[in-house]
Structure formats: structure tokens, C-alpha cells
PDB file of N, CA and C in Angstrom:
ATOM      1  N   ALA A   1       9.103   1.383 209.291  1.00  0.00           N
ATOM      2  CA  ALA A   1       9.022   2.689 209.908  1.00  0.00           C
ATOM      3  C   ALA A   1       9.571   3.799 209.001  1.00  0.00           C
ATOM      4  N   PRO A   2      10.693   3.587 208.300  1.00  0.00           N
ATOM      5  CA  PRO A   2      11.160   4.672 207.421  1.00  0.00           C
ATOM      6  C   PRO A   2      10.135   5.072 206.366  1.00  0.00           C
ATOM      7  N   ALA A   3       9.382   4.105 205.841  1.00  0.00           N
ATOM      8  CA  ALA A   3       8.373   4.428 204.831  1.00  0.00           C
ATOM      9  C   ALA A   3       7.266   5.290 205.430  1.00  0.00           C
ATOM     10  N   VAL A   4       6.896   5.016 206.664  1.00  0.00           N
ATOM     11  CA  VAL A   4       5.885   5.827 207.341  1.00  0.00           C
ATOM     12  C   VAL A   4       6.411   7.244 207.529  1.00  0.00           C
ATOM     13  N   GLY A   5       7.661   7.351 207.954  1.00  0.00           N
ATOM     14  CA  GLY A   5       8.264   8.667 208.129  1.00  0.00           C
ATOM     15  C   GLY A   5       8.296   9.454 206.834  1.00  0.00           C
ATOM     16  N   GLU A   6       8.652   8.789 205.764  1.00  0.00           N
ATOM     17  CA  GLU A   6       8.692   9.451 204.458  1.00  0.00           C
ATOM     18  C   GLU A   6       7.300   9.912 204.038  1.00  0.00           C
ATOM     19  N   ALA A   7       6.297   9.069 204.244  1.00  0.00           N
ATOM     20  CA  ALA A   7       4.928   9.435 203.879  1.00  0.00           C
ATOM     21  C   ALA A   7       4.465  10.656 204.661  1.00  0.00           C
ATOM     22  N   ILE A   8       4.726  10.677 205.970  1.00  0.00           N
ATOM     23  CA  ILE A   8       4.315  11.809 206.796  1.00  0.00           C
ATOM     24  C   ILE A   8       5.080  13.063 206.395  1.00  0.00           C
ATOM     25  N   ALA A   9       6.384  12.914 206.110  1.00  0.00           N
ATOM     26  CA  ALA A   9       7.192  14.065 205.701  1.00  0.00           C
ATOM     27  C   ALA A   9       6.707  14.652 204.377  1.00  0.00           C
ATOM     28  N   CYS A  10       6.209  13.803 203.493  1.00  0.00           N
ATOM     29  CA  CYS A  10       5.737  14.272 202.186  1.00  0.00           C
ATOM     30  C   CYS A  10       4.355  14.915 202.247  1.00  0.00           C
ATOM     31  N   ALA A  11       3.569  14.530 203.224  1.00  0.00           N
ATOM     32  CA  ALA A  11       2.211  15.080 203.333  1.00  0.00           C
ATOM     33  C   ALA A  11       1.868  15.357 204.795  1.00  0.00           C
ATOM     34  N   PRO A  12       2.628  16.224 205.461  1.00  0.00           N
ATOM     35  CA  PRO A  12       2.380  16.450 206.889  1.00  0.00           C
ATOM     36  C   PRO A  12       1.012  17.047 207.195  1.00  0.00           C
ATOM     37  N   GLU A  13       0.463  17.813 206.257  1.00  0.00           N
ATOM     38  CA  GLU A  13      -0.847  18.404 206.499  1.00  0.00           C
ATOM     39  C   GLU A  13      -1.953  17.358 206.502  1.00  0.00           C
ATOM     40  N   VAL A  14      -1.721  16.235 205.848  1.00  0.00           N
ATOM     41  CA  VAL A  14      -2.716  15.161 205.784  1.00  0.00           C
ATOM     42  C   VAL A  14      -2.419  14.076 206.821  1.00  0.00           C
ATOM     43  N   LEU A  15      -1.145  13.710 206.953  1.00  0.00           N
ATOM     44  CA  LEU A  15      -0.765  12.572 207.780  1.00  0.00           C
ATOM     45  C   LEU A  15      -0.088  12.953 209.097  1.00  0.00           C
ATOM     46  N   GLY A  16       0.055  14.235 209.362  1.00  0.00           N
ATOM     47  CA  GLY A  16       0.767  14.685 210.550  1.00  0.00           C
ATOM     48  C   GLY A  16       0.248  14.145 211.862  1.00  0.00           C
ATOM     49  N   ASP A  17      -1.046  13.891 211.937  1.00  0.00           N
ATOM     50  CA  ASP A  17      -1.622  13.368 213.179  1.00  0.00           C
ATOM     51  C   ASP A  17      -1.090  11.983 213.533  1.00  0.00           C
ATOM     52  N   PHE A  18      -0.515  11.295 212.568  1.00  0.00           N
ATOM     53  CA  PHE A  18      -0.008   9.948 212.800  1.00  0.00           C
ATOM     54  C   PHE A  18       1.445   9.930 213.273  1.00  0.00           C
ATOM     55  N   ALA A  19       2.112  11.073 213.288  1.00  0.00           N
ATOM     56  CA  ALA A  19       3.542  11.131 213.599  1.00  0.00           C
ATOM     57  C   ALA A  19       3.869  10.530 214.961  1.00  0.00           C
ATOM     58  N   GLY A  20       3.083  10.808 215.947  1.00  0.00           N
ATOM     59  CA  GLY A  20       3.353  10.288 217.285  1.00  0.00           C
ATOM     60  C   GLY A  20       2.883   8.876 217.517  1.00  0.00           C
ATOM     61  N   SER A  21       2.118   8.338 216.599  1.00  0.00           N
ATOM     62  CA  SER A  21       1.517   7.017 216.822  1.00  0.00           C
ATOM     63  C   SER A  21       2.525   5.874 216.808  1.00  0.00           C
ATOM     64  N   PHE A  22       3.696   6.090 216.243  1.00  0.00           N
ATOM     65  CA  PHE A  22       4.670   5.008 216.267  1.00  0.00           C
ATOM     66  C   PHE A  22       5.835   5.298 217.214  1.00  0.00           C
ATOM     67  N   LEU A  23       5.596   6.181 218.183  1.00  0.00           N
ATOM     68  CA  LEU A  23       6.575   6.439 219.234  1.00  0.00           C
ATOM     69  C   LEU A  23       6.969   5.157 219.979  1.00  0.00           C
ATOM     70  N   PRO A  24       6.048   4.238 220.249  1.00  0.00           N
ATOM     71  CA  PRO A  24       6.433   2.987 220.922  1.00  0.00           C
ATOM     72  C   PRO A  24       7.465   2.154 220.144  1.00  0.00           C
ATOM     73  N   ALA A  25       7.595   2.383 218.846  1.00  0.00           N
ATOM     74  CA  ALA A  25       8.587   1.638 218.058  1.00  0.00           C
ATOM     75  C   ALA A  25      10.006   1.929 218.534  1.00  0.00           C
ATOM     76  N   LEU A  26      10.220   3.086 219.152  1.00  0.00           N
ATOM     77  CA  LEU A  26      11.558   3.418 219.654  1.00  0.00           C
ATOM     78  C   LEU A  26      11.954   2.543 220.838  1.00  0.00           C
ATOM     79  N   GLU A  27      10.993   1.849 221.422  1.00  0.00           N
ATOM     80  CA  GLU A  27      11.270   0.969 222.557  1.00  0.00           C
ATOM     81  C   GLU A  27      11.561  -0.465 222.126  1.00  0.00           C
ATOM     82  N   GLU A  28      11.291  -0.790 220.885  1.00  0.00           N
ATOM     83  CA  GLU A  28      11.503  -2.144 220.381  1.00  0.00           C
ATOM     84  C   GLU A  28      12.864  -2.233 219.703  1.00  0.00           C
ATOM     85  N   PRO A  29      13.800  -3.032 220.243  1.00  0.00           N
ATOM     86  CA  PRO A  29      15.155  -3.073 219.696  1.00  0.00           C
ATOM     87  C   PRO A  29      15.228  -3.301 218.183  1.00  0.00           C
ATOM     88  N   TYR A  30      14.389  -4.163 217.638  1.00  0.00           N
ATOM     89  CA  TYR A  30      14.453  -4.454 216.209  1.00  0.00           C
ATOM     90  C   TYR A  30      13.849  -3.354 215.338  1.00  0.00           C
ATOM     91  N   LEU A  31      13.182  -2.388 215.944  1.00  0.00           N
ATOM     92  CA  LEU A  31      12.585  -1.277 215.197  1.00  0.00           C
ATOM     93  C   LEU A  31      13.279   0.060 215.446  1.00  0.00           C
ATOM     94  N   GLN A  32      14.178   0.118 216.412  1.00  0.00           N
ATOM     95  CA  GLN A  32      14.734   1.399 216.850  1.00  0.00           C
ATOM     96  C   GLN A  32      15.430   2.181 215.741  1.00  0.00           C
ATOM     97  N   ALA A  33      16.283   1.548 214.981  1.00  0.00           N
ATOM     98  CA  ALA A  33      17.017   2.275 213.937  1.00  0.00           C
ATOM     99  C   ALA A  33      16.052   2.849 212.899  1.00  0.00           C
ATOM    100  N   GLY A  34      15.118   2.056 212.431  1.00  0.00           N
ATOM    101  CA  GLY A  34      14.163   2.519 211.428  1.00  0.00           C
ATOM    102  C   GLY A  34      13.238   3.593 211.964  1.00  0.00           C
ATOM    103  N   ALA A  35      12.799   3.425 213.203  1.00  0.00           N
ATOM    104  CA  ALA A  35      11.915   4.427 213.803  1.00  0.00           C
ATOM    105  C   ALA A  35      12.657   5.748 214.000  1.00  0.00           C
ATOM    106  N   ALA A  36      13.903   5.680 214.458  1.00  0.00           N
ATOM    107  CA  ALA A  36      14.688   6.901 214.629  1.00  0.00           C
ATOM    108  C   ALA A  36      14.865   7.604 213.290  1.00  0.00           C
ATOM    109  N   ARG A  37      15.131   6.837 212.265  1.00  0.00           N
ATOM    110  CA  ARG A  37      15.277   7.409 210.915  1.00  0.00           C
ATOM    111  C   ARG A  37      13.976   8.088 210.477  1.00  0.00           C
ATOM    112  N   ALA A  38      12.856   7.444 210.750  1.00  0.00           N
ATOM    113  CA  ALA A  38      11.556   8.013 210.382  1.00  0.00           C
ATOM    114  C   ALA A  38      11.290   9.320 211.119  1.00  0.00           C
ATOM    115  N   PHE A  39      11.563   9.339 212.425  1.00  0.00           N
ATOM    116  CA  PHE A  39      11.351  10.570 213.182  1.00  0.00           C
ATOM    117  C   PHE A  39      12.256  11.682 212.672  1.00  0.00           C
ATOM    118  N   GLY A  40      13.470  11.336 212.297  1.00  0.00           N
ATOM    119  CA  GLY A  40      14.377  12.335 211.735  1.00  0.00           C
ATOM    120  C   GLY A  40      13.865  12.903 210.429  1.00  0.00           C
ATOM    121  N   ARG A  41      13.342  12.041 209.593  1.00  0.00           N
ATOM    122  CA  ARG A  41      12.817  12.501 208.290  1.00  0.00           C
ATOM    123  C   ARG A  41      11.649  13.450 208.495  1.00  0.00           C
ATOM    124  N   ILE A  42      10.764  13.114 209.407  1.00  0.00           N
ATOM    125  CA  ILE A  42       9.643  14.009 209.701  1.00  0.00           C
ATOM    126  C   ILE A  42      10.174  15.316 210.284  1.00  0.00           C
ATOM    127  N   GLY A  43      11.180  15.203 211.147  1.00  0.00           N
ATOM    128  CA  GLY A  43      11.758  16.379 211.778  1.00  0.00           C
ATOM    129  C   GLY A  43      12.377  17.354 210.801  1.00  0.00           C
ATOM    130  N   GLN A  44      12.810  16.869 209.649  1.00  0.00           N
ATOM    131  CA  GLN A  44      13.346  17.764 208.617  1.00  0.00           C
ATOM    132  C   GLN A  44      12.284  18.718 208.110  1.00  0.00           C
ATOM    133  N   VAL A  45      11.058  18.245 208.064  1.00  0.00           N
ATOM    134  CA  VAL A  45       9.960  19.008 207.474  1.00  0.00           C
ATOM    135  C   VAL A  45       9.098  19.689 208.531  1.00  0.00           C
ATOM    136  N   ARG A  46       8.734  18.929 209.554  1.00  0.00           N
ATOM    137  CA  ARG A  46       7.839  19.435 210.602  1.00  0.00           C
ATOM    138  C   ARG A  46       8.326  18.970 211.974  1.00  0.00           C
ATOM    139  N   PRO A  47       9.367  19.578 212.497  1.00  0.00           N
ATOM    140  CA  PRO A  47       9.894  19.140 213.792  1.00  0.00           C
ATOM    141  C   PRO A  47       8.869  19.207 214.917  1.00  0.00           C
ATOM    142  N   ASP A  48       7.906  20.091 214.792  1.00  0.00           N
ATOM    143  CA  ASP A  48       6.881  20.206 215.819  1.00  0.00           C
ATOM    144  C   ASP A  48       6.069  18.927 215.977  1.00  0.00           C
ATOM    145  N   LEU A  49       5.982  18.124 214.935  1.00  0.00           N
ATOM    146  CA  LEU A  49       5.200  16.888 214.988  1.00  0.00           C
ATOM    147  C   LEU A  49       5.903  15.779 215.761  1.00  0.00           C
ATOM    148  N   VAL A  50       7.217  15.882 215.940  1.00  0.00           N
ATOM    149  CA  VAL A  50       7.960  14.774 216.546  1.00  0.00           C
ATOM    150  C   VAL A  50       8.786  15.185 217.768  1.00  0.00           C
ATOM    151  N   ARG A  51       8.536  16.336 218.320  1.00  0.00           N
ATOM    152  CA  ARG A  51       9.301  16.773 219.502  1.00  0.00           C
ATOM    153  C   ARG A  51       9.125  15.811 220.681  1.00  0.00           C
ATOM    154  N   ASP A  52       7.992  15.143 220.767  1.00  0.00           N
ATOM    155  CA  ASP A  52       7.774  14.188 221.860  1.00  0.00           C
ATOM    156  C   ASP A  52       8.727  13.003 221.799  1.00  0.00           C
ATOM    157  N   ALA A  53       9.347  12.764 220.652  1.00  0.00           N
ATOM    158  CA  ALA A  53      10.278  11.652 220.497  1.00  0.00           C
ATOM    159  C   ALA A  53      11.676  11.984 221.022  1.00  0.00           C
ATOM    160  N   VAL A  54      11.954  13.249 221.306  1.00  0.00           N
ATOM    161  CA  VAL A  54      13.308  13.660 221.689  1.00  0.00           C
ATOM    162  C   VAL A  54      13.842  12.901 222.907  1.00  0.00           C
ATOM    163  N   PRO A  55      13.099  12.764 224.009  1.00  0.00           N
ATOM    164  CA  PRO A  55      13.656  12.022 225.149  1.00  0.00           C
ATOM    165  C   PRO A  55      14.010  10.562 224.804  1.00  0.00           C
ATOM    166  N   SER A  56      13.167   9.913 224.044  1.00  0.00           N
ATOM    167  CA  SER A  56      13.448   8.529 223.654  1.00  0.00           C
ATOM    168  C   SER A  56      14.661   8.451 222.738  1.00  0.00           C
ATOM    169  N   LEU A  57      14.776   9.396 221.820  1.00  0.00           N
ATOM    170  CA  LEU A  57      15.928   9.425 220.918  1.00  0.00           C
ATOM    171  C   LEU A  57      17.217   9.696 221.694  1.00  0.00           C
ATOM    172  N   GLN A  58      17.147  10.548 222.693  1.00  0.00           N
ATOM    173  CA  GLN A  58      18.325  10.812 223.516  1.00  0.00           C
ATOM    174  C   GLN A  58      18.763   9.539 224.247  1.00  0.00           C
ATOM    175  N   THR A  59      17.817   8.759 224.698  1.00  0.00           N
ATOM    176  CA  THR A  59      18.130   7.491 225.360  1.00  0.00           C
ATOM    177  C   THR A  59      18.824   6.545 224.397  1.00  0.00           C
ATOM    178  N   LEU A  60      18.409   6.557 223.137  1.00  0.00           N
ATOM    179  CA  LEU A  60      18.995   5.651 222.144  1.00  0.00           C
ATOM    180  C   LEU A  60      20.451   5.996 221.825  1.00  0.00           C
ATOM    181  N   LEU A  61      20.913   7.168 222.205  1.00  0.00           N
ATOM    182  CA  LEU A  61      22.320   7.518 221.983  1.00  0.00           C
ATOM    183  C   LEU A  61      23.258   6.604 222.772  1.00  0.00           C
ATOM    184  N   ALA A  62      22.723   5.906 223.772  1.00  0.00           N
ATOM    185  CA  ALA A  62      23.514   4.972 224.580  1.00  0.00           C
ATOM    186  C   ALA A  62      23.311   3.523 224.149  1.00  0.00           C
ATOM    187  N   SER A  63      22.646   3.300 223.042  1.00  0.00           N
ATOM    188  CA  SER A  63      22.393   1.945 222.551  1.00  0.00           C
ATOM    189  C   SER A  63      23.705   1.221 222.241  1.00  0.00           C
ATOM    190  N   PRO A  64      23.752  -0.082 222.472  1.00  0.00           N
ATOM    191  CA  PRO A  64      24.932  -0.848 222.078  1.00  0.00           C
ATOM    192  C   PRO A  64      25.046  -1.004 220.557  1.00  0.00           C
ATOM    193  N   ASP A  65      23.975  -0.720 219.841  1.00  0.00           N
ATOM    194  CA  ASP A  65      23.935  -0.858 218.380  1.00  0.00           C
ATOM    195  C   ASP A  65      24.363   0.462 217.728  1.00  0.00           C
ATOM    196  N   ALA A  66      25.467   0.424 217.004  1.00  0.00           N
ATOM    197  CA  ALA A  66      25.996   1.636 216.366  1.00  0.00           C
ATOM    198  C   ALA A  66      25.018   2.250 215.376  1.00  0.00           C
ATOM    199  N   THR A  67      24.261   1.431 214.659  1.00  0.00           N
ATOM    200  CA  THR A  67      23.302   1.958 213.684  1.00  0.00           C
ATOM    201  C   THR A  67      22.187   2.712 214.391  1.00  0.00           C
ATOM    202  N   VAL A  68      21.722   2.184 215.499  1.00  0.00           N
ATOM    203  CA  VAL A  68      20.684   2.863 216.284  1.00  0.00           C
ATOM    204  C   VAL A  68      21.217   4.201 216.782  1.00  0.00           C
ATOM    205  N   ARG A  69      22.434   4.207 217.317  1.00  0.00           N
ATOM    206  CA  ARG A  69      23.028   5.458 217.800  1.00  0.00           C
ATOM    207  C   ARG A  69      23.140   6.481 216.677  1.00  0.00           C
ATOM    208  N   GLU A  70      23.584   6.036 215.519  1.00  0.00           N
ATOM    209  CA  GLU A  70      23.745   6.946 214.375  1.00  0.00           C
ATOM    210  C   GLU A  70      22.416   7.563 213.954  1.00  0.00           C
ATOM    211  N   HIS A  71      21.386   6.731 213.808  1.00  0.00           N
ATOM    212  CA  HIS A  71      20.086   7.249 213.382  1.00  0.00           C
ATOM    213  C   HIS A  71      19.460   8.131 214.459  1.00  0.00           C
ATOM    214  N   ALA A  72      19.674   7.804 215.723  1.00  0.00           N
ATOM    215  CA  ALA A  72      19.143   8.639 216.808  1.00  0.00           C
ATOM    216  C   ALA A  72      19.823  10.007 216.793  1.00  0.00           C
ATOM    217  N   ALA A  73      21.142  10.022 216.614  1.00  0.00           N
ATOM    218  CA  ALA A  73      21.869  11.296 216.573  1.00  0.00           C
ATOM    219  C   ALA A  73      21.416  12.154 215.397  1.00  0.00           C
ATOM    220  N   ARG A  74      21.274  11.542 214.240  1.00  0.00           N
ATOM    221  CA  ARG A  74      20.807  12.291 213.066  1.00  0.00           C
ATOM    222  C   ARG A  74      19.396  12.825 213.278  1.00  0.00           C
ATOM    223  N   ALA A  75      18.531  11.979 213.855  1.00  0.00           N
ATOM    224  CA  ALA A  75      17.152  12.403 214.092  1.00  0.00           C
ATOM    225  C   ALA A  75      17.113  13.599 215.035  1.00  0.00           C
ATOM    226  N   LEU A  76      17.886  13.538 216.102  1.00  0.00           N
ATOM    227  CA  LEU A  76      17.918  14.664 217.041  1.00  0.00           C
ATOM    228  C   LEU A  76      18.399  15.931 216.348  1.00  0.00           C
ATOM    229  N   ASP A  77      19.397  15.804 215.516  1.00  0.00           N
ATOM    230  CA  ASP A  77      19.890  16.965 214.769  1.00  0.00           C
ATOM    231  C   ASP A  77      18.803  17.517 213.857  1.00  0.00           C
ATOM    232  N   GLN A  78      18.086  16.639 213.190  1.00  0.00           N
ATOM    233  CA  GLN A  78      17.051  17.081 212.253  1.00  0.00           C
ATOM    234  C   GLN A  78      15.856  17.688 212.979  1.00  0.00           C
ATOM    235  N   ILE A  79      15.561  17.204 214.162  1.00  0.00           N
ATOM    236  CA  ILE A  79      14.416  17.729 214.916  1.00  0.00           C
ATOM    237  C   ILE A  79      14.775  19.037 215.625  1.00  0.00           C
ATOM    238  N   LEU A  80      15.980  19.092 216.188  1.00  0.00           N
ATOM    239  CA  LEU A  80      16.356  20.223 217.037  1.00  0.00           C
ATOM    240  C   LEU A  80      17.154  21.311 216.332  1.00  0.00           C
ATOM    241  N   ALA A  81      17.558  21.076 215.090  1.00  0.00           N
ATOM    242  CA  ALA A  81      18.371  22.060 214.369  1.00  0.00           C
ATOM    243  C   ALA A  81      17.610  23.375 214.214  1.00  0.00           C
ATOM    244  N   PRO A  82      18.305  24.482 214.463  1.00  0.00           N
ATOM    245  CA  PRO A  82      17.641  25.777 214.254  1.00  0.00           C
ATOM    246  C   PRO A  82      17.285  25.944 212.778  1.00  0.00           C
ATOM    247  N   ARG A  83      16.157  26.519 212.539  1.00  0.00           N
ATOM    248  CA  ARG A  83      15.695  26.763 211.178  1.00  0.00           C
ATOM    249  C   ARG A  83      15.856  28.245 210.857  1.00  0.00           C
ATOM    250  N   PRO A  84      16.271  28.564 209.634  1.00  0.00           N
ATOM    251  CA  PRO A  84      16.355  29.989 209.276  1.00  0.00           C
ATOM    252  C   PRO A  84      14.966  30.601 209.263  1.00  0.00           C
ATOM    253  N   ALA A  85      14.898  31.847 209.654  1.00  0.00           N
ATOM    254  CA  ALA A  85      13.624  32.562 209.637  1.00  0.00           C
ATOM    255  C   ALA A  85      13.149  32.719 208.212  1.00  0.00           C
ATOM    256  N   GLN A  86      11.855  32.710 208.041  1.00  0.00           N
ATOM    257  CA  GLN A  86      11.282  32.924 206.717  1.00  0.00           C
ATOM    258  C   GLN A  86      11.622  34.341 206.254  1.00  0.00           C
ATOM    259  N   ALA A  87      12.002  34.455 205.007  1.00  0.00           N
ATOM    260  CA  ALA A  87      12.292  35.783 204.448  1.00  0.00           C
ATOM    261  C   ALA A  87      11.002  36.591 204.366  1.00  0.00           C
ATOM    262  N   ARG A  88      11.095  37.832 204.747  1.00  0.00           N
ATOM    263  CA  ARG A  88       9.921  38.703 204.673  1.00  0.00           C
ATOM    264  C   ARG A  88       9.934  39.443 203.337  1.00  0.00           C
ATOM    265  N   PRO A  89       8.783  39.576 202.717  1.00  0.00           N
ATOM    266  CA  PRO A  89       8.724  40.333 201.463  1.00  0.00           C
ATOM    267  C   PRO A  89       9.055  41.813 201.711  1.00  0.00           C
ATOM    268  N   ALA A  90       9.711  42.399 200.755  1.00  0.00           N
ATOM    269  CA  ALA A  90      10.046  43.823 200.863  1.00  0.00           C
ATOM    270  C   ALA A  90       8.777  44.657 200.833  1.00  0.00           C
ATOM    271  N   THR A  91       8.765  45.693 201.638  1.00  0.00           N
ATOM    272  CA  THR A  91       7.566  46.561 201.653  1.00  0.00           C
ATOM    273  C   THR A  91       7.885  47.919 201.111  1.00  0.00           C
TER     274      THR A  91
END
């Protein structure tokens, strides 16, 4: 899952449609940490592509697995963090 996230983050204009396709991975205990990491990586670049993952990531904050909790928290921060406004050219 992290490799998929990295690929989408590097080419969101080409691969962005696939961002939501691995949302079910957040439900599989053995994939949760990697999937959360992938959603976070995409969220750094295009948070709009992974906003649907926010409820599932919030649920993972209660996981008994510390690694899953850590990656879910980071992903939420990367998806929900305010972004600075684009600088406007001087006129």
C-alpha cells in the first residue's frame, strides 16, 4: 500500500482516480498501517483525493496496534492540515 500511495502522490493527475480504490485496505488489520501511510502520503499532495478515508482513519486511532495508530494520526494530519494560500503575483 505505501508504494501505491507514493505512486499516486507523484502523479496525481494520472493516477488520482485510483486513490479511493484501496479504501477497503483500512479494514484489514494486516494492511491498516501501510494503507494509512499511503493515504497520508497522498494527502500531502492532494488531500481532496483521500478525504473519504478520514472516518476510517479516525476509527484506527483506537487500534490496539501502536503503529496503526501512529500512521493513522499522521495521515489525518497530512490530509486535514491547513494549506497556505497560493501567493498571488504582484499586479
